[in-house]
Amino acid sequence: MYRLLRPAMASSSRMIGCPRTAARAFHLSGSCLAAADSTVTPTAAPPSASAVPANPSAIVAGPYRRVGNVFIVTCVDHPFKFSWEVNRMLRELRLEFMGQTTIVPDIPQVRKRLWRVRHLVRVDPVDLDEAKALIGVPEHVSFRDLASQIPPTFGRGPAVGNPRLRSKMNFMQLRRMRLRDVMHRDQLEKKLLEERRRALQRTQHAAEGEA
């Protein structure tokens, strides 16, 4: 039996040692890889951080500048097919219909919403440097500086830290809108009643004159 297996074992050992079978190195165990790393002797000292690498495609040593991201989110399916929980997450992302596109920041809250609606949205990440280049903002100007120039009354209103307070503010705003609509309707009804009364008086005076 050993004599039958000897040619196969010899051929497998030759294949592992052959440099053309580098893809088969993934099948080696961890001990074999560790032993192979220990046998390799460094030929040159590692380059310093200030030295320019000889290979132009090599990764330059840090430290790196941290750049944030924004997500361009596009709704690629009809939301009415899905449950109300999915539609709620879509509304929090300012998406309501198929084909809508919105831009959201790369923060944990937004990532959580995107994960819950990942089956009906397409997400394109864009770093802030690229976003600045797209909208023509100079590199030395930060988005925080741009946000400070926006008046507090722009858009949905001043920022509120407590979401319940935001909900109460929205309720009061809707209540004021409803009261304004009711008062406008009452004024129109009063004008119509006044016009009807005047028309009735004119018809009565005309009937009395004929009599």
Protein backbone atom coordinates (compact mmCIF):
# COMPACT_ATOMS: atom_id res chain seq x y z
CA MET A 1 0.00 0.00 0.00
CA TYR A 2 2.82 2.36 0.85
CA ARG A 3 4.48 1.58 -2.45
CA LEU A 4 1.23 2.51 -4.26
CA LEU A 5 0.96 5.87 -2.47
CA ARG A 6 4.66 6.79 -2.85
CA PRO A 7 4.38 8.23 -6.44
CA ALA A 8 1.36 10.39 -5.50
CA MET A 9 3.12 11.75 -2.42
CA ALA A 10 6.23 12.54 -4.40
CA SER A 11 4.25 14.35 -7.10
CA SER A 12 2.31 16.38 -4.50
CA SER A 13 5.54 17.42 -2.79
CA ARG A 14 6.95 18.55 -6.12
CA MET A 15 3.77 20.57 -6.85
CA ILE A 16 3.93 22.38 -3.52
CA GLY A 17 7.55 23.26 -4.00
CA CYS A 18 6.98 24.44 -7.56
CA PRO A 19 6.82 28.25 -7.86
CA ARG A 20 4.14 28.05 -10.56
CA THR A 21 1.55 26.71 -8.11
CA ALA A 22 1.32 29.77 -5.88
CA ALA A 23 -2.47 29.62 -5.90
CA ARG A 24 -2.31 26.29 -4.09
CA ALA A 25 -0.56 27.87 -1.14
CA PHE A 26 -4.00 28.71 0.25
CA HIS A 27 -4.50 25.01 0.96
CA LEU A 28 -1.47 24.88 3.25
CA SER A 29 -2.08 24.81 6.97
CA GLY A 30 -1.19 27.67 9.28
CA SER A 31 1.89 25.91 10.61
CA CYS A 32 3.25 25.47 7.09
CA LEU A 33 2.75 29.14 6.30
CA ALA A 34 4.40 30.17 9.56
CA ALA A 35 7.34 27.95 8.83
CA ALA A 36 7.64 29.39 5.34
CA ASP A 37 7.64 32.93 6.74
CA SER A 38 10.33 32.04 9.26
CA THR A 39 12.59 30.70 6.55
CA VAL A 40 12.49 33.89 4.49
CA THR A 41 15.38 36.21 5.26
CA PRO A 42 14.91 39.96 4.68
CA THR A 43 17.06 41.21 1.85
CA ALA A 44 16.74 44.93 2.60
CA ALA A 45 15.69 47.15 5.46
CA PRO A 46 12.08 48.45 5.41
CA PRO A 47 11.80 51.92 3.89
CA SER A 48 11.28 54.84 6.19
CA ALA A 49 8.14 56.99 6.19
CA SER A 50 9.92 59.94 4.57
CA ALA A 51 11.51 57.91 1.80
CA VAL A 52 9.74 57.77 -1.54
CA PRO A 53 8.84 54.17 -2.46
CA ALA A 54 10.47 52.78 -5.57
CA ASN A 55 7.17 51.29 -6.69
CA PRO A 56 4.75 54.13 -7.61
CA SER A 57 1.75 51.90 -6.80
CA ALA A 58 2.99 51.12 -3.28
CA ILE A 59 0.99 52.44 -0.34
CA VAL A 60 2.69 55.39 1.33
CA ALA A 61 3.16 55.10 5.07
CA GLY A 62 0.89 57.15 7.32
CA PRO A 63 -0.31 59.12 9.16
CA TYR A 64 -3.33 59.72 6.97
CA ARG A 65 -5.94 62.44 6.96
CA ARG A 66 -9.35 61.15 7.91
CA VAL A 67 -12.02 62.05 5.35
CA GLY A 68 -15.72 61.55 5.94
CA ASN A 69 -18.24 60.18 3.47
CA VAL A 70 -21.70 60.93 2.20
CA PHE A 71 -24.11 58.43 0.67
CA ILE A 72 -26.10 59.06 -2.50
CA VAL A 73 -29.16 56.86 -1.94
CA THR A 74 -31.57 55.98 -4.75
CA CYS A 75 -34.83 54.11 -4.27
CA VAL A 76 -34.93 51.36 -6.91
CA ASP A 77 -38.20 49.65 -5.98
CA HIS A 78 -41.77 50.58 -5.09
CA PRO A 79 -42.05 51.14 -1.32
CA PHE A 80 -45.75 50.23 -1.20
CA LYS A 81 -44.79 46.58 -1.72
CA PHE A 82 -43.15 46.42 1.70
CA SER A 83 -44.19 46.71 5.32
CA TRP A 84 -44.77 49.89 7.26
CA GLU A 85 -41.47 49.44 9.13
CA VAL A 86 -39.55 49.59 5.84
CA ASN A 87 -41.56 52.61 4.72
CA ARG A 88 -40.82 54.34 8.01
CA MET A 89 -37.08 53.84 7.50
CA LEU A 90 -37.44 55.17 3.95
CA ARG A 91 -39.24 58.29 5.19
CA GLU A 92 -36.43 58.87 7.68
CA LEU A 93 -34.08 58.76 4.67
CA ARG A 94 -36.40 61.24 2.85
CA LEU A 95 -37.46 58.62 0.29
CA GLU A 96 -41.07 57.96 -0.59
CA PHE A 97 -41.31 56.86 -4.23
CA MET A 98 -39.33 54.76 -6.65
CA GLY A 99 -36.66 56.76 -8.46
CA GLN A 100 -36.12 59.33 -5.71
CA THR A 101 -32.53 60.21 -4.79
CA THR A 102 -31.25 61.79 -1.59
CA ILE A 103 -27.86 62.53 -0.05
CA VAL A 104 -27.30 61.49 3.56
CA PRO A 105 -24.23 61.63 5.84
CA ASP A 106 -22.18 58.59 6.74
CA ILE A 107 -23.10 58.28 10.41
CA PRO A 108 -24.16 55.22 12.44
CA GLN A 109 -27.84 56.21 12.53
CA VAL A 110 -28.00 56.49 8.75
CA ARG A 111 -26.08 53.24 8.29
CA LYS A 112 -28.65 51.48 10.47
CA ARG A 113 -31.51 52.80 8.33
CA LEU A 114 -29.71 51.88 5.13
CA TRP A 115 -29.15 48.36 6.40
CA ARG A 116 -32.87 47.94 7.08
CA VAL A 117 -33.83 49.08 3.56
CA ARG A 118 -30.82 47.62 1.73
CA HIS A 119 -33.05 45.46 -0.50
CA LEU A 120 -34.74 48.41 -2.25
CA VAL A 121 -32.12 51.17 -2.36
CA ARG A 122 -28.85 51.70 -4.22
CA VAL A 123 -26.08 53.34 -2.20
CA ASP A 124 -23.16 55.19 -3.79
CA PRO A 125 -20.53 56.32 -1.23
CA VAL A 126 -18.70 59.56 -2.00
CA ASP A 127 -15.93 60.98 0.16
CA LEU A 128 -16.09 64.62 1.18
CA ASP A 129 -13.16 65.64 -1.02
CA GLU A 130 -14.94 64.28 -4.07
CA ALA A 131 -18.21 65.87 -2.95
CA LYS A 132 -16.46 69.23 -2.67
CA ALA A 133 -15.06 68.82 -6.16
CA LEU A 134 -18.51 67.92 -7.50
CA ILE A 135 -20.25 71.01 -6.11
CA GLY A 136 -17.31 73.37 -6.56
CA VAL A 137 -16.37 74.03 -2.93
CA PRO A 138 -12.72 75.00 -2.32
CA GLU A 139 -10.62 72.47 -0.43
CA HIS A 140 -9.83 74.81 2.47
CA VAL A 141 -13.55 75.41 3.17
CA SER A 142 -15.16 72.81 5.43
CA PHE A 143 -18.79 71.79 5.40
CA ARG A 144 -19.04 72.96 9.00
CA ASP A 145 -18.20 76.48 7.81
CA LEU A 146 -20.84 76.20 5.10
CA ALA A 147 -23.43 74.98 7.61
CA SER A 148 -22.70 77.94 9.89
CA GLN A 149 -23.70 80.29 7.06
CA ILE A 150 -27.19 78.75 6.76
CA PRO A 151 -29.78 80.75 8.76
CA PRO A 152 -31.46 78.83 11.58
CA THR A 153 -34.87 79.40 10.01
CA PHE A 154 -33.91 77.58 6.80
CA GLY A 155 -35.60 74.30 5.95
CA ARG A 156 -37.32 72.42 8.76
CA GLY A 157 -36.37 74.98 11.38
CA PRO A 158 -33.87 75.20 14.24
CA ALA A 159 -32.26 72.02 15.45
CA VAL A 160 -33.86 70.33 18.44
CA GLY A 161 -31.96 67.75 20.45
CA ASN A 162 -35.01 66.03 21.91
CA PRO A 163 -37.00 64.10 19.28
CA ARG A 164 -40.15 64.27 21.44
CA LEU A 165 -39.86 68.04 21.49
CA ARG A 166 -39.47 67.94 17.71
CA SER A 167 -42.61 65.83 17.49
CA LYS A 168 -44.48 68.31 19.70
CA MET A 169 -43.28 71.21 17.55
CA ASN A 170 -44.49 69.46 14.42
CA PHE A 171 -47.85 68.79 16.08
CA MET A 172 -48.25 72.43 17.09
CA GLN A 173 -47.29 73.57 13.60
CA LEU A 174 -49.88 71.27 12.04
CA ARG A 175 -52.44 72.47 14.60
CA ARG A 176 -51.78 76.10 13.65
CA MET A 177 -52.12 75.24 9.99
CA ARG A 178 -55.42 73.45 10.69
CA LEU A 179 -56.76 76.39 12.70
CA ARG A 180 -55.75 78.78 9.94
CA ASP A 181 -57.57 76.66 7.39
CA VAL A 182 -60.68 76.47 9.58
CA MET A 183 -60.71 80.23 10.11
CA HIS A 184 -60.30 80.82 6.39
CA ARG A 185 -63.17 78.43 5.69
CA ASP A 186 -65.38 80.20 8.25
CA GLN A 187 -64.64 83.57 6.62
CA LEU A 188 -65.60 82.22 3.23
CA GLU A 189 -68.83 80.76 4.64
CA LYS A 190 -69.68 84.11 6.24
CA LYS A 191 -69.13 85.89 2.92
CA LEU A 192 -71.33 83.38 1.13
CA LEU A 193 -74.08 83.75 3.72
CA GLU A 194 -73.87 87.53 3.42
CA GLU A 195 -74.12 87.36 -0.36
CA ARG A 196 -77.12 85.03 -0.09
CA ARG A 197 -78.83 87.36 2.36
CA ARG A 198 -78.30 90.34 0.08
CA ALA A 199 -79.58 88.41 -2.93
CA LEU A 200 -82.66 87.37 -0.96
CA GLN A 201 -83.29 90.98 0.07
CA ARG A 202 -83.01 92.15 -3.52
CA THR A 203 -85.48 89.52 -4.70
CA GLN A 204 -87.89 90.50 -1.88
CA HIS A 205 -87.66 94.20 -2.75
CA ALA A 206 -88.20 93.40 -6.40
CA ALA A 207 -91.30 91.31 -5.53
CA GLU A 208 -92.71 94.09 -3.31
CA GLY A 209 -92.18 96.70 -6.07
CA GLU A 210 -94.04 94.58 -8.59
CA ALA A 211 -96.89 94.07 -6.15
